[in-house]
Amino acid sequence: MQEKTGGCVCKNVTYSVTGEFTGVVSCHCKSCQRFHGNYNPMIVADKEQATLRGNISWYTSSDIAERGFCGTCGSALFKRQTTGPKLLISVGSLDDTAGLRNIKNVFVEKEETYYTMPEGGKD
């Protein structure tokens, strides 16, 4: 079992999460592009294994998910299922990304022309 920690730019939001982080899932949907300014590489965790601290604001982004960001600096950090057990954490907010590799790309039909698709499986 691994522990990952991270937070926002201003450090008003911090988190720790434990789990088996086998890789990064990169989402290319338009919602991720708008929220993050590009595609969004994320690790997947169980909500119950995460401790979130600080000034987190949540935005309902769809019927099944909401996005979490720092209410102070605006850093985009999380996406979580509203009825399911999963929490997705933006890789850029992690303190240490050692050992993580892109393993999957989702919503690839929404890929923009200004970047190159990261390696990893396509869904």
PDB file of N, CA and C in Angstrom:
ATOM      1  N   MET A   1       0.854  -1.186   0.000  1.00  0.00           N
ATOM      2  CA  MET A   1       0.000   0.000   0.000  1.00  0.00           C
ATOM      3  C   MET A   1       0.893   1.240   0.000  1.00  0.00           C
ATOM      4  N   GLN A   2       0.613   2.149  -0.909  1.00  0.00           N
ATOM      5  CA  GLN A   2       1.374   3.390  -1.024  1.00  0.00           C
ATOM      6  C   GLN A   2       0.609   4.534  -0.382  1.00  0.00           C
ATOM      7  N   GLU A   3       1.319   5.573   0.014  1.00  0.00           N
ATOM      8  CA  GLU A   3       0.682   6.821   0.433  1.00  0.00           C
ATOM      9  C   GLU A   3       1.189   7.923  -0.477  1.00  0.00           C
ATOM     10  N   LYS A   4       0.259   8.722  -0.980  1.00  0.00           N
ATOM     11  CA  LYS A   4       0.584   9.887  -1.792  1.00  0.00           C
ATOM     12  C   LYS A   4       0.060  11.116  -1.060  1.00  0.00           C
ATOM     13  N   THR A   5       0.795  12.205  -1.153  1.00  0.00           N
ATOM     14  CA  THR A   5       0.370  13.472  -0.574  1.00  0.00           C
ATOM     15  C   THR A   5       0.435  14.544  -1.651  1.00  0.00           C
ATOM     16  N   GLY A   6      -0.265  15.629  -1.391  1.00  0.00           N
ATOM     17  CA  GLY A   6      -0.245  16.726  -2.341  1.00  0.00           C
ATOM     18  C   GLY A   6      -1.038  17.899  -1.843  1.00  0.00           C
ATOM     19  N   GLY A   7      -1.245  18.852  -2.751  1.00  0.00           N
ATOM     20  CA  GLY A   7      -2.004  20.036  -2.388  1.00  0.00           C
ATOM     21  C   GLY A   7      -2.030  21.052  -3.510  1.00  0.00           C
ATOM     22  N   CYS A   8      -2.590  22.179  -3.178  1.00  0.00           N
ATOM     23  CA  CYS A   8      -2.752  23.257  -4.153  1.00  0.00           C
ATOM     24  C   CYS A   8      -1.530  24.172  -4.153  1.00  0.00           C
ATOM     25  N   VAL A   9      -1.555  25.168  -5.007  1.00  0.00           N
ATOM     26  CA  VAL A   9      -0.437  26.108  -5.143  1.00  0.00           C
ATOM     27  C   VAL A   9      -0.201  26.876  -3.847  1.00  0.00           C
ATOM     28  N   CYS A  10      -1.259  27.371  -3.214  1.00  0.00           N
ATOM     29  CA  CYS A  10      -1.096  28.206  -2.024  1.00  0.00           C
ATOM     30  C   CYS A  10      -1.003  27.402  -0.728  1.00  0.00           C
ATOM     31  N   LYS A  11      -1.152  26.084  -0.813  1.00  0.00           N
ATOM     32  CA  LYS A  11      -1.071  25.155   0.326  1.00  0.00           C
ATOM     33  C   LYS A  11      -2.223  25.293   1.315  1.00  0.00           C
ATOM     34  N   ASN A  12      -3.306  25.975   0.920  1.00  0.00           N
ATOM     35  CA  ASN A  12      -4.499  26.013   1.769  1.00  0.00           C
ATOM     36  C   ASN A  12      -5.286  24.719   1.688  1.00  0.00           C
ATOM     37  N   VAL A  13      -5.042  23.902   0.659  1.00  0.00           N
ATOM     38  CA  VAL A  13      -5.625  22.571   0.554  1.00  0.00           C
ATOM     39  C   VAL A  13      -4.481  21.572   0.488  1.00  0.00           C
ATOM     40  N   THR A  14      -4.539  20.580   1.358  1.00  0.00           N
ATOM     41  CA  THR A  14      -3.587  19.477   1.320  1.00  0.00           C
ATOM     42  C   THR A  14      -4.383  18.182   1.411  1.00  0.00           C
ATOM     43  N   TYR A  15      -3.749  17.089   1.030  1.00  0.00           N
ATOM     44  CA  TYR A  15      -4.416  15.797   1.108  1.00  0.00           C
ATOM     45  C   TYR A  15      -3.388  14.689   1.256  1.00  0.00           C
ATOM     46  N   SER A  16      -3.873  13.559   1.731  1.00  0.00           N
ATOM     47  CA  SER A  16      -3.100  12.318   1.727  1.00  0.00           C
ATOM     48  C   SER A  16      -4.059  11.214   1.327  1.00  0.00           C
ATOM     49  N   VAL A  17      -3.525  10.235   0.626  1.00  0.00           N
ATOM     50  CA  VAL A  17      -4.359   9.130   0.146  1.00  0.00           C
ATOM     51  C   VAL A  17      -3.499   7.870   0.110  1.00  0.00           C
ATOM     52  N   THR A  18      -4.099   6.761   0.482  1.00  0.00           N
ATOM     53  CA  THR A  18      -3.397   5.488   0.430  1.00  0.00           C
ATOM     54  C   THR A  18      -4.072   4.583  -0.583  1.00  0.00           C
ATOM     55  N   GLY A  19      -3.294   3.696  -1.173  1.00  0.00           N
ATOM     56  CA  GLY A  19      -3.847   2.773  -2.151  1.00  0.00           C
ATOM     57  C   GLY A  19      -2.760   2.156  -2.989  1.00  0.00           C
ATOM     58  N   GLU A  20      -3.190   1.412  -3.978  1.00  0.00           N
ATOM     59  CA  GLU A  20      -2.281   0.823  -4.962  1.00  0.00           C
ATOM     60  C   GLU A  20      -2.420   1.642  -6.240  1.00  0.00           C
ATOM     61  N   PHE A  21      -1.481   2.522  -6.487  1.00  0.00           N
ATOM     62  CA  PHE A  21      -1.543   3.414  -7.632  1.00  0.00           C
ATOM     63  C   PHE A  21      -0.722   2.816  -8.765  1.00  0.00           C
ATOM     64  N   THR A  22      -1.430   2.151  -9.664  1.00  0.00           N
ATOM     65  CA  THR A  22      -0.755   1.408 -10.719  1.00  0.00           C
ATOM     66  C   THR A  22      -0.459   2.261 -11.936  1.00  0.00           C
ATOM     67  N   GLY A  23      -1.068   3.403 -12.040  1.00  0.00           N
ATOM     68  CA  GLY A  23      -0.800   4.244 -13.191  1.00  0.00           C
ATOM     69  C   GLY A  23      -1.712   5.441 -13.262  1.00  0.00           C
ATOM     70  N   VAL A  24      -1.508   6.189 -14.329  1.00  0.00           N
ATOM     71  CA  VAL A  24      -2.212   7.442 -14.559  1.00  0.00           C
ATOM     72  C   VAL A  24      -3.221   7.258 -15.687  1.00  0.00           C
ATOM     73  N   VAL A  25      -4.417   7.774 -15.465  1.00  0.00           N
ATOM     74  CA  VAL A  25      -5.455   7.810 -16.493  1.00  0.00           C
ATOM     75  C   VAL A  25      -5.564   9.258 -16.954  1.00  0.00           C
ATOM     76  N   SER A  26      -5.399   9.479 -18.250  1.00  0.00           N
ATOM     77  CA  SER A  26      -5.477  10.834 -18.797  1.00  0.00           C
ATOM     78  C   SER A  26      -6.804  11.027 -19.516  1.00  0.00           C
ATOM     79  N   CYS A  27      -7.565  12.007 -19.037  1.00  0.00           N
ATOM     80  CA  CYS A  27      -8.879  12.288 -19.612  1.00  0.00           C
ATOM     81  C   CYS A  27      -8.769  13.482 -20.565  1.00  0.00           C
ATOM     82  N   HIS A  28      -9.307  13.298 -21.759  1.00  0.00           N
ATOM     83  CA  HIS A  28      -9.249  14.327 -22.798  1.00  0.00           C
ATOM     84  C   HIS A  28     -10.612  14.981 -23.053  1.00  0.00           C
ATOM     85  N   CYS A  29     -11.593  14.759 -22.160  1.00  0.00           N
ATOM     86  CA  CYS A  29     -12.926  15.321 -22.381  1.00  0.00           C
ATOM     87  C   CYS A  29     -12.879  16.850 -22.320  1.00  0.00           C
ATOM     88  N   LYS A  30     -13.853  17.483 -22.918  1.00  0.00           N
ATOM     89  CA  LYS A  30     -13.897  18.944 -22.971  1.00  0.00           C
ATOM     90  C   LYS A  30     -14.006  19.550 -21.568  1.00  0.00           C
ATOM     91  N   SER A  31     -14.712  18.875 -20.671  1.00  0.00           N
ATOM     92  CA  SER A  31     -14.843  19.369 -19.307  1.00  0.00           C
ATOM     93  C   SER A  31     -13.478  19.430 -18.615  1.00  0.00           C
ATOM     94  N   CYS A  32     -12.666  18.385 -18.767  1.00  0.00           N
ATOM     95  CA  CYS A  32     -11.315  18.394 -18.190  1.00  0.00           C
ATOM     96  C   CYS A  32     -10.457  19.470 -18.839  1.00  0.00           C
ATOM     97  N   GLN A  33     -10.576  19.601 -20.154  1.00  0.00           N
ATOM     98  CA  GLN A  33      -9.800  20.627 -20.841  1.00  0.00           C
ATOM     99  C   GLN A  33     -10.123  22.014 -20.302  1.00  0.00           C
ATOM    100  N   ARG A  34     -11.375  22.289 -20.084  1.00  0.00           N
ATOM    101  CA  ARG A  34     -11.773  23.613 -19.587  1.00  0.00           C
ATOM    102  C   ARG A  34     -11.382  23.812 -18.130  1.00  0.00           C
ATOM    103  N   PHE A  35     -11.511  22.761 -17.319  1.00  0.00           N
ATOM    104  CA  PHE A  35     -11.217  22.871 -15.894  1.00  0.00           C
ATOM    105  C   PHE A  35      -9.723  22.961 -15.629  1.00  0.00           C
ATOM    106  N   HIS A  36      -8.925  22.259 -16.431  1.00  0.00           N
ATOM    107  CA  HIS A  36      -7.489  22.174 -16.188  1.00  0.00           C
ATOM    108  C   HIS A  36      -6.647  22.943 -17.198  1.00  0.00           C
ATOM    109  N   GLY A  37      -7.254  23.411 -18.271  1.00  0.00           N
ATOM    110  CA  GLY A  37      -6.502  24.115 -19.296  1.00  0.00           C
ATOM    111  C   GLY A  37      -5.857  23.185 -20.308  1.00  0.00           C
ATOM    112  N   ASN A  38      -6.111  21.886 -20.182  1.00  0.00           N
ATOM    113  CA  ASN A  38      -5.555  20.883 -21.072  1.00  0.00           C
ATOM    114  C   ASN A  38      -6.195  19.548 -20.689  1.00  0.00           C
ATOM    115  N   TYR A  39      -5.704  18.447 -21.244  1.00  0.00           N
ATOM    116  CA  TYR A  39      -6.193  17.153 -20.762  1.00  0.00           C
ATOM    117  C   TYR A  39      -5.775  16.996 -19.307  1.00  0.00           C
ATOM    118  N   ASN A  40      -6.373  16.058 -18.591  1.00  0.00           N
ATOM    119  CA  ASN A  40      -6.112  15.924 -17.167  1.00  0.00           C
ATOM    120  C   ASN A  40      -5.594  14.536 -16.820  1.00  0.00           C
ATOM    121  N   PRO A  41      -4.312  14.406 -16.477  1.00  0.00           N
ATOM    122  CA  PRO A  41      -3.799  13.143 -15.972  1.00  0.00           C
ATOM    123  C   PRO A  41      -4.159  12.990 -14.495  1.00  0.00           C
ATOM    124  N   MET A  42      -4.711  11.819 -14.139  1.00  0.00           N
ATOM    125  CA  MET A  42      -5.203  11.599 -12.781  1.00  0.00           C
ATOM    126  C   MET A  42      -4.817  10.213 -12.272  1.00  0.00           C
ATOM    127  N   ILE A  43      -4.720  10.090 -10.945  1.00  0.00           N
ATOM    128  CA  ILE A  43      -4.670   8.779 -10.316  1.00  0.00           C
ATOM    129  C   ILE A  43      -6.044   8.524  -9.715  1.00  0.00           C
ATOM    130  N   VAL A  44      -6.391   7.258  -9.602  1.00  0.00           N
ATOM    131  CA  VAL A  44      -7.703   6.877  -9.082  1.00  0.00           C
ATOM    132  C   VAL A  44      -7.529   6.296  -7.688  1.00  0.00           C
ATOM    133  N   ALA A  45      -8.361   6.764  -6.759  1.00  0.00           N
ATOM    134  CA  ALA A  45      -8.314   6.297  -5.376  1.00  0.00           C
ATOM    135  C   ALA A  45      -9.729   6.052  -4.872  1.00  0.00           C
ATOM    136  N   ASP A  46      -9.825   5.367  -3.753  1.00  0.00           N
ATOM    137  CA  ASP A  46     -11.106   5.220  -3.068  1.00  0.00           C
ATOM    138  C   ASP A  46     -11.309   6.431  -2.163  1.00  0.00           C
ATOM    139  N   LYS A  47     -12.503   7.001  -2.178  1.00  0.00           N
ATOM    140  CA  LYS A  47     -12.800   8.167  -1.333  1.00  0.00           C
ATOM    141  C   LYS A  47     -12.461   7.896   0.126  1.00  0.00           C
ATOM    142  N   GLU A  48     -12.765   6.678   0.588  1.00  0.00           N
ATOM    143  CA  GLU A  48     -12.566   6.327   1.999  1.00  0.00           C
ATOM    144  C   GLU A  48     -11.100   6.302   2.394  1.00  0.00           C
ATOM    145  N   GLN A  49     -10.204   6.214   1.424  1.00  0.00           N
ATOM    146  CA  GLN A  49      -8.776   6.152   1.726  1.00  0.00           C
ATOM    147  C   GLN A  49      -8.098   7.512   1.592  1.00  0.00           C
ATOM    148  N   ALA A  50      -8.896   8.558   1.420  1.00  0.00           N
ATOM    149  CA  ALA A  50      -8.345   9.905   1.236  1.00  0.00           C
ATOM    150  C   ALA A  50      -8.718  10.803   2.407  1.00  0.00           C
ATOM    151  N   THR A  51      -7.774  11.618   2.820  1.00  0.00           N
ATOM    152  CA  THR A  51      -8.008  12.660   3.816  1.00  0.00           C
ATOM    153  C   THR A  51      -7.757  13.990   3.128  1.00  0.00           C
ATOM    154  N   LEU A  52      -8.813  14.790   2.996  1.00  0.00           N
ATOM    155  CA  LEU A  52      -8.738  16.094   2.335  1.00  0.00           C
ATOM    156  C   LEU A  52      -8.855  17.175   3.396  1.00  0.00           C
ATOM    157  N   ARG A  53      -7.961  18.167   3.350  1.00  0.00           N
ATOM    158  CA  ARG A  53      -7.961  19.224   4.352  1.00  0.00           C
ATOM    159  C   ARG A  53      -7.904  20.594   3.677  1.00  0.00           C
ATOM    160  N   GLY A  54      -8.613  21.547   4.249  1.00  0.00           N
ATOM    161  CA  GLY A  54      -8.492  22.918   3.783  1.00  0.00           C
ATOM    162  C   GLY A  54      -9.732  23.472   3.114  1.00  0.00           C
ATOM    163  N   ASN A  55      -9.543  24.557   2.401  1.00  0.00           N
ATOM    164  CA  ASN A  55     -10.613  25.341   1.789  1.00  0.00           C
ATOM    165  C   ASN A  55     -10.979  24.771   0.418  1.00  0.00           C
ATOM    166  N   ILE A  56     -11.658  23.615   0.412  1.00  0.00           N
ATOM    167  CA  ILE A  56     -12.042  22.962  -0.842  1.00  0.00           C
ATOM    168  C   ILE A  56     -13.443  23.401  -1.241  1.00  0.00           C
ATOM    169  N   SER A  57     -13.582  23.834  -2.473  1.00  0.00           N
ATOM    170  CA  SER A  57     -14.892  24.140  -3.051  1.00  0.00           C
ATOM    171  C   SER A  57     -15.218  23.033  -4.044  1.00  0.00           C
ATOM    172  N   TRP A  58     -16.495  22.642  -4.089  1.00  0.00           N
ATOM    173  CA  TRP A  58     -16.935  21.577  -4.995  1.00  0.00           C
ATOM    174  C   TRP A  58     -17.921  22.143  -6.004  1.00  0.00           C
ATOM    175  N   TYR A  59     -17.730  21.745  -7.249  1.00  0.00           N
ATOM    176  CA  TYR A  59     -18.572  22.176  -8.357  1.00  0.00           C
ATOM    177  C   TYR A  59     -19.212  20.932  -8.973  1.00  0.00           C
ATOM    178  N   THR A  60     -20.530  20.903  -9.084  1.00  0.00           N
ATOM    179  CA  THR A  60     -21.217  19.786  -9.731  1.00  0.00           C
ATOM    180  C   THR A  60     -21.050  19.935 -11.236  1.00  0.00           C
ATOM    181  N   SER A  61     -20.247  19.042 -11.827  1.00  0.00           N
ATOM    182  CA  SER A  61     -19.910  19.168 -13.238  1.00  0.00           C
ATOM    183  C   SER A  61     -20.738  18.263 -14.145  1.00  0.00           C
ATOM    184  N   SER A  62     -21.454  17.303 -13.559  1.00  0.00           N
ATOM    185  CA  SER A  62     -22.324  16.421 -14.344  1.00  0.00           C
ATOM    186  C   SER A  62     -23.303  15.741 -13.385  1.00  0.00           C
ATOM    187  N   ASP A  63     -24.141  14.886 -13.945  1.00  0.00           N
ATOM    188  CA  ASP A  63     -25.088  14.144 -13.110  1.00  0.00           C
ATOM    189  C   ASP A  63     -24.400  13.133 -12.206  1.00  0.00           C
ATOM    190  N   ILE A  64     -23.164  12.771 -12.522  1.00  0.00           N
ATOM    191  CA  ILE A  64     -22.491  11.714 -11.765  1.00  0.00           C
ATOM    192  C   ILE A  64     -21.196  12.155 -11.083  1.00  0.00           C
ATOM    193  N   ALA A  65     -20.782  13.407 -11.275  1.00  0.00           N
ATOM    194  CA  ALA A  65     -19.484  13.804 -10.721  1.00  0.00           C
ATOM    195  C   ALA A  65     -19.453  15.267 -10.313  1.00  0.00           C
ATOM    196  N   GLU A  66     -18.507  15.547  -9.431  1.00  0.00           N
ATOM    197  CA  GLU A  66     -18.227  16.924  -9.047  1.00  0.00           C
ATOM    198  C   GLU A  66     -16.719  17.114  -8.981  1.00  0.00           C
ATOM    199  N   ARG A  67     -16.300  18.360  -9.141  1.00  0.00           N
ATOM    200  CA  ARG A  67     -14.878  18.687  -9.185  1.00  0.00           C
ATOM    201  C   ARG A  67     -14.519  19.561  -7.989  1.00  0.00           C
ATOM    202  N   GLY A  68     -13.364  19.257  -7.419  1.00  0.00           N
ATOM    203  CA  GLY A  68     -12.901  19.996  -6.257  1.00  0.00           C
ATOM    204  C   GLY A  68     -11.709  20.865  -6.589  1.00  0.00           C
ATOM    205  N   PHE A  69     -11.730  22.073  -6.053  1.00  0.00           N
ATOM    206  CA  PHE A  69     -10.641  23.015  -6.291  1.00  0.00           C
ATOM    207  C   PHE A  69     -10.424  23.850  -5.042  1.00  0.00           C
ATOM    208  N   CYS A  70      -9.264  24.461  -4.944  1.00  0.00           N
ATOM    209  CA  CYS A  70      -8.977  25.308  -3.795  1.00  0.00           C
ATOM    210  C   CYS A  70      -9.816  26.566  -3.876  1.00  0.00           C
ATOM    211  N   GLY A  71     -10.529  26.869  -2.800  1.00  0.00           N
ATOM    212  CA  GLY A  71     -11.362  28.059  -2.746  1.00  0.00           C
ATOM    213  C   GLY A  71     -10.561  29.339  -2.612  1.00  0.00           C
ATOM    214  N   THR A  72      -9.259  29.224  -2.387  1.00  0.00           N
ATOM    215  CA  THR A  72      -8.403  30.402  -2.261  1.00  0.00           C
ATOM    216  C   THR A  72      -7.660  30.699  -3.563  1.00  0.00           C
ATOM    217  N   CYS A  73      -6.858  29.731  -4.046  1.00  0.00           N
ATOM    218  CA  CYS A  73      -6.036  29.991  -5.241  1.00  0.00           C
ATOM    219  C   CYS A  73      -6.650  29.441  -6.526  1.00  0.00           C
ATOM    220  N   GLY A  74      -7.665  28.586  -6.417  1.00  0.00           N
ATOM    221  CA  GLY A  74      -8.352  28.065  -7.595  1.00  0.00           C
ATOM    222  C   GLY A  74      -7.739  26.827  -8.219  1.00  0.00           C
ATOM    223  N   SER A  75      -6.688  26.275  -7.606  1.00  0.00           N
ATOM    224  CA  SER A  75      -6.063  25.074  -8.172  1.00  0.00           C
ATOM    225  C   SER A  75      -7.080  23.951  -8.336  1.00  0.00           C
ATOM    226  N   ALA A  76      -7.109  23.361  -9.533  1.00  0.00           N
ATOM    227  CA  ALA A  76      -7.988  22.229  -9.836  1.00  0.00           C
ATOM    228  C   ALA A  76      -7.327  20.951  -9.316  1.00  0.00           C
ATOM    229  N   LEU A  77      -8.016  20.244  -8.400  1.00  0.00           N
ATOM    230  CA  LEU A  77      -7.384  19.130  -7.701  1.00  0.00           C
ATOM    231  C   LEU A  77      -8.073  17.783  -7.861  1.00  0.00           C
ATOM    232  N   PHE A  78      -9.401  17.752  -7.769  1.00  0.00           N
ATOM    233  CA  PHE A  78     -10.112  16.484  -7.639  1.00  0.00           C
ATOM    234  C   PHE A  78     -11.314  16.384  -8.571  1.00  0.00           C
ATOM    235  N   LYS A  79     -11.680  15.147  -8.829  1.00  0.00           N
ATOM    236  CA  LYS A  79     -12.971  14.822  -9.425  1.00  0.00           C
ATOM    237  C   LYS A  79     -13.468  13.602  -8.659  1.00  0.00           C
ATOM    238  N   ARG A  80     -14.715  13.632  -8.216  1.00  0.00           N
ATOM    239  CA  ARG A  80     -15.242  12.488  -7.483  1.00  0.00           C
ATOM    240  C   ARG A  80     -16.627  12.129  -7.962  1.00  0.00           C
ATOM    241  N   GLN A  81     -16.915  10.846  -7.883  1.00  0.00           N
ATOM    242  CA  GLN A  81     -18.246  10.356  -8.210  1.00  0.00           C
ATOM    243  C   GLN A  81     -19.202  10.805  -7.117  1.00  0.00           C
ATOM    244  N   THR A  82     -20.403  11.232  -7.506  1.00  0.00           N
ATOM    245  CA  THR A  82     -21.370  11.672  -6.498  1.00  0.00           C
ATOM    246  C   THR A  82     -22.051  10.489  -5.819  1.00  0.00           C
ATOM    247  N   THR A  83     -22.140   9.364  -6.493  1.00  0.00           N
ATOM    248  CA  THR A  83     -22.770   8.190  -5.882  1.00  0.00           C
ATOM    249  C   THR A  83     -21.826   7.003  -5.774  1.00  0.00           C
ATOM    250  N   GLY A  84     -20.684   7.053  -6.399  1.00  0.00           N
ATOM    251  CA  GLY A  84     -19.746   5.936  -6.383  1.00  0.00           C
ATOM    252  C   GLY A  84     -18.601   6.155  -5.417  1.00  0.00           C
ATOM    253  N   PRO A  85     -17.694   5.186  -5.335  1.00  0.00           N
ATOM    254  CA  PRO A  85     -16.624   5.215  -4.336  1.00  0.00           C
ATOM    255  C   PRO A  85     -15.326   5.886  -4.770  1.00  0.00           C
ATOM    256  N   LYS A  86     -15.238   6.390  -5.994  1.00  0.00           N
ATOM    257  CA  LYS A  86     -13.947   6.826  -6.524  1.00  0.00           C
ATOM    258  C   LYS A  86     -13.688   8.330  -6.400  1.00  0.00           C
ATOM    259  N   LEU A  87     -12.419   8.632  -6.164  1.00  0.00           N
ATOM    260  CA  LEU A  87     -11.896   9.992  -6.151  1.00  0.00           C
ATOM    261  C   LEU A  87     -10.737  10.015  -7.130  1.00  0.00           C
ATOM    262  N   LEU A  88     -10.756  10.938  -8.062  1.00  0.00           N
ATOM    263  CA  LEU A  88      -9.660  11.097  -9.012  1.00  0.00           C
ATOM    264  C   LEU A  88      -8.867  12.325  -8.600  1.00  0.00           C
ATOM    265  N   ILE A  89      -7.560  12.171  -8.580  1.00  0.00           N
ATOM    266  CA  ILE A  89      -6.669  13.232  -8.107  1.00  0.00           C
ATOM    267  C   ILE A  89      -5.762  13.672  -9.247  1.00  0.00           C
ATOM    268  N   SER A  90      -5.720  14.953  -9.516  1.00  0.00           N
ATOM    269  CA  SER A  90      -4.885  15.486 -10.583  1.00  0.00           C
ATOM    270  C   SER A  90      -3.415  15.263 -10.246  1.00  0.00           C
ATOM    271  N   VAL A  91      -2.710  14.613 -11.157  1.00  0.00           N
ATOM    272  CA  VAL A  91      -1.314  14.242 -10.926  1.00  0.00           C
ATOM    273  C   VAL A  91      -0.439  15.467 -10.663  1.00  0.00           C
ATOM    274  N   GLY A  92      -0.745  16.576 -11.307  1.00  0.00           N
ATOM    275  CA  GLY A  92       0.052  17.785 -11.104  1.00  0.00           C
ATOM    276  C   GLY A  92       0.029  18.313  -9.686  1.00  0.00           C
ATOM    277  N   SER A  93      -0.934  17.885  -8.878  1.00  0.00           N
ATOM    278  CA  SER A  93      -1.020  18.351  -7.495  1.00  0.00           C
ATOM    279  C   SER A  93      -0.282  17.439  -6.514  1.00  0.00           C
ATOM    280  N   LEU A  94       0.238  16.309  -6.995  1.00  0.00           N
ATOM    281  CA  LEU A  94       0.968  15.382  -6.129  1.00  0.00           C
ATOM    282  C   LEU A  94       2.332  15.936  -5.745  1.00  0.00           C
ATOM    283  N   ASP A  95       2.768  15.654  -4.530  1.00  0.00           N
ATOM    284  CA  ASP A  95       4.108  16.047  -4.095  1.00  0.00           C
ATOM    285  C   ASP A  95       5.183  15.202  -4.782  1.00  0.00           C
ATOM    286  N   ASP A  96       4.882  13.940  -5.072  1.00  0.00           N
ATOM    287  CA  ASP A  96       5.855  13.030  -5.666  1.00  0.00           C
ATOM    288  C   ASP A  96       5.156  12.145  -6.688  1.00  0.00           C
ATOM    289  N   THR A  97       5.644  12.143  -7.897  1.00  0.00           N
ATOM    290  CA  THR A  97       5.037  11.331  -8.958  1.00  0.00           C
ATOM    291  C   THR A  97       5.931  10.154  -9.368  1.00  0.00           C
ATOM    292  N   ALA A  98       6.949   9.870  -8.567  1.00  0.00           N
ATOM    293  CA  ALA A  98       7.882   8.789  -8.900  1.00  0.00           C
ATOM    294  C   ALA A  98       7.132   7.482  -9.113  1.00  0.00           C
ATOM    295  N   GLY A  99       7.478   6.796 -10.183  1.00  0.00           N
ATOM    296  CA  GLY A  99       6.901   5.494 -10.468  1.00  0.00           C
ATOM    297  C   GLY A  99       5.583   5.517 -11.218  1.00  0.00           C
ATOM    298  N   LEU A 100       4.983   6.678 -11.391  1.00  0.00           N
ATOM    299  CA  LEU A 100       3.713   6.758 -12.099  1.00  0.00           C
ATOM    300  C   LEU A 100       3.950   6.893 -13.602  1.00  0.00           C
ATOM    301  N   ARG A 101       3.157   6.175 -14.378  1.00  0.00           N
ATOM    302  CA  ARG A 101       3.220   6.240 -15.839  1.00  0.00           C
ATOM    303  C   ARG A 101       1.803   6.269 -16.383  1.00  0.00           C
ATOM    304  N   ASN A 102       1.617   6.926 -17.512  1.00  0.00           N
ATOM    305  CA  ASN A 102       0.303   6.944 -18.152  1.00  0.00           C
ATOM    306  C   ASN A 102      -0.024   5.539 -18.649  1.00  0.00           C
ATOM    307  N   ILE A 103      -1.188   5.028 -18.233  1.00  0.00           N
ATOM    308  CA  ILE A 103      -1.586   3.680 -18.650  1.00  0.00           C
ATOM    309  C   ILE A 103      -2.849   3.680 -19.495  1.00  0.00           C
ATOM    310  N   LYS A 104      -3.569   4.799 -19.487  1.00  0.00           N
ATOM    311  CA  LYS A 104      -4.833   4.814 -20.200  1.00  0.00           C
ATOM    312  C   LYS A 104      -5.195   6.240 -20.590  1.00  0.00           C
ATOM    313  N   ASN A 105      -5.773   6.379 -21.795  1.00  0.00           N
ATOM    314  CA  ASN A 105      -6.326   7.645 -22.268  1.00  0.00           C
ATOM    315  C   ASN A 105      -7.810   7.444 -22.495  1.00  0.00           C
ATOM    316  N   VAL A 106      -8.621   8.345 -21.962  1.00  0.00           N
ATOM    317  CA  VAL A 106     -10.068   8.252 -22.145  1.00  0.00           C
ATOM    318  C   VAL A 106     -10.587   9.504 -22.846  1.00  0.00           C
ATOM    319  N   PHE A 107     -11.721   9.363 -23.521  1.00  0.00           N
ATOM    320  CA  PHE A 107     -12.332  10.432 -24.312  1.00  0.00           C
ATOM    321  C   PHE A 107     -11.352  10.983 -25.348  1.00  0.00           C
ATOM    322  N   VAL A 108     -10.634  10.061 -25.993  1.00  0.00           N
ATOM    323  CA  VAL A 108      -9.615  10.458 -26.969  1.00  0.00           C
ATOM    324  C   VAL A 108     -10.216  11.135 -28.196  1.00  0.00           C
ATOM    325  N   GLU A 109     -11.497  10.909 -28.442  1.00  0.00           N
ATOM    326  CA  GLU A 109     -12.138  11.570 -29.589  1.00  0.00           C
ATOM    327  C   GLU A 109     -12.232  13.078 -29.379  1.00  0.00           C
ATOM    328  N   LYS A 110     -12.005  13.544 -28.157  1.00  0.00           N
ATOM    329  CA  LYS A 110     -12.043  14.983 -27.848  1.00  0.00           C
ATOM    330  C   LYS A 110     -10.645  15.598 -27.836  1.00  0.00           C
ATOM    331  N   GLU A 111      -9.621  14.805 -28.161  1.00  0.00           N
ATOM    332  CA  GLU A 111      -8.249  15.294 -28.172  1.00  0.00           C
ATOM    333  C   GLU A 111      -8.136  16.525 -29.068  1.00  0.00           C
ATOM    334  N   GLU A 112      -7.408  17.500 -28.587  1.00  0.00           N
ATOM    335  CA  GLU A 112      -7.177  18.720 -29.354  1.00  0.00           C
ATOM    336  C   GLU A 112      -5.929  18.572 -30.214  1.00  0.00           C
ATOM    337  N   THR A 113      -5.787  19.445 -31.187  1.00  0.00           N
ATOM    338  CA  THR A 113      -4.672  19.354 -32.124  1.00  0.00           C
ATOM    339  C   THR A 113      -3.395  20.014 -31.605  1.00  0.00           C
ATOM    340  N   TYR A 114      -3.455  20.748 -30.525  1.00  0.00           N
ATOM    341  CA  TYR A 114      -2.289  21.481 -30.043  1.00  0.00           C
ATOM    342  C   TYR A 114      -1.385  20.667 -29.126  1.00  0.00           C
ATOM    343  N   TYR A 115      -1.719  19.419 -28.830  1.00  0.00           N
ATOM    344  CA  TYR A 115      -0.837  18.581 -28.019  1.00  0.00           C
ATOM    345  C   TYR A 115      -0.765  17.184 -28.598  1.00  0.00           C
ATOM    346  N   THR A 116       0.242  16.460 -28.172  1.00  0.00           N
ATOM    347  CA  THR A 116       0.438  15.076 -28.596  1.00  0.00           C
ATOM    348  C   THR A 116      -0.122  14.161 -27.525  1.00  0.00           C
ATOM    349  N   MET A 117      -0.889  13.170 -27.935  1.00  0.00           N
ATOM    350  CA  MET A 117      -1.480  12.217 -27.012  1.00  0.00           C
ATOM    351  C   MET A 117      -0.379  11.516 -26.221  1.00  0.00           C
ATOM    352  N   PRO A 118      -0.494  11.463 -24.878  1.00  0.00           N
ATOM    353  CA  PRO A 118       0.513  10.739 -24.101  1.00  0.00           C
ATOM    354  C   PRO A 118       0.425   9.238 -24.390  1.00  0.00           C
ATOM    355  N   GLU A 119       1.541   8.535 -24.216  1.00  0.00           N
ATOM    356  CA  GLU A 119       1.530   7.100 -24.419  1.00  0.00           C
ATOM    357  C   GLU A 119       0.630   6.450 -23.385  1.00  0.00           C
ATOM    358  N   GLY A 120       0.177   5.262 -23.692  1.00  0.00           N
ATOM    359  CA  GLY A 120      -0.714   4.519 -22.802  1.00  0.00           C
ATOM    360  C   GLY A 120      -1.910   4.047 -23.592  1.00  0.00           C
ATOM    361  N   GLY A 121      -2.675   3.177 -23.004  1.00  0.00           N
ATOM    362  CA  GLY A 121      -3.832   2.611 -23.674  1.00  0.00           C
ATOM    363  C   GLY A 121      -4.883   3.640 -24.013  1.00  0.00           C
ATOM    364  N   LYS A 122      -5.649   3.378 -25.036  1.00  0.00           N
ATOM    365  CA  LYS A 122      -6.760   4.252 -25.412  1.00  0.00           C
ATOM    366  C   LYS A 122      -8.059   3.523 -25.114  1.00  0.00           C
ATOM    367  N   ASP A 123      -9.003   4.245 -24.550  1.00  0.00           N
ATOM    368  CA  ASP A 123     -10.289   3.669 -24.194  1.00  0.00           C
ATOM    369  C   ASP A 123     -11.333   4.118 -25.186  1.00  0.00           C
TER     370      ASP A 123
END
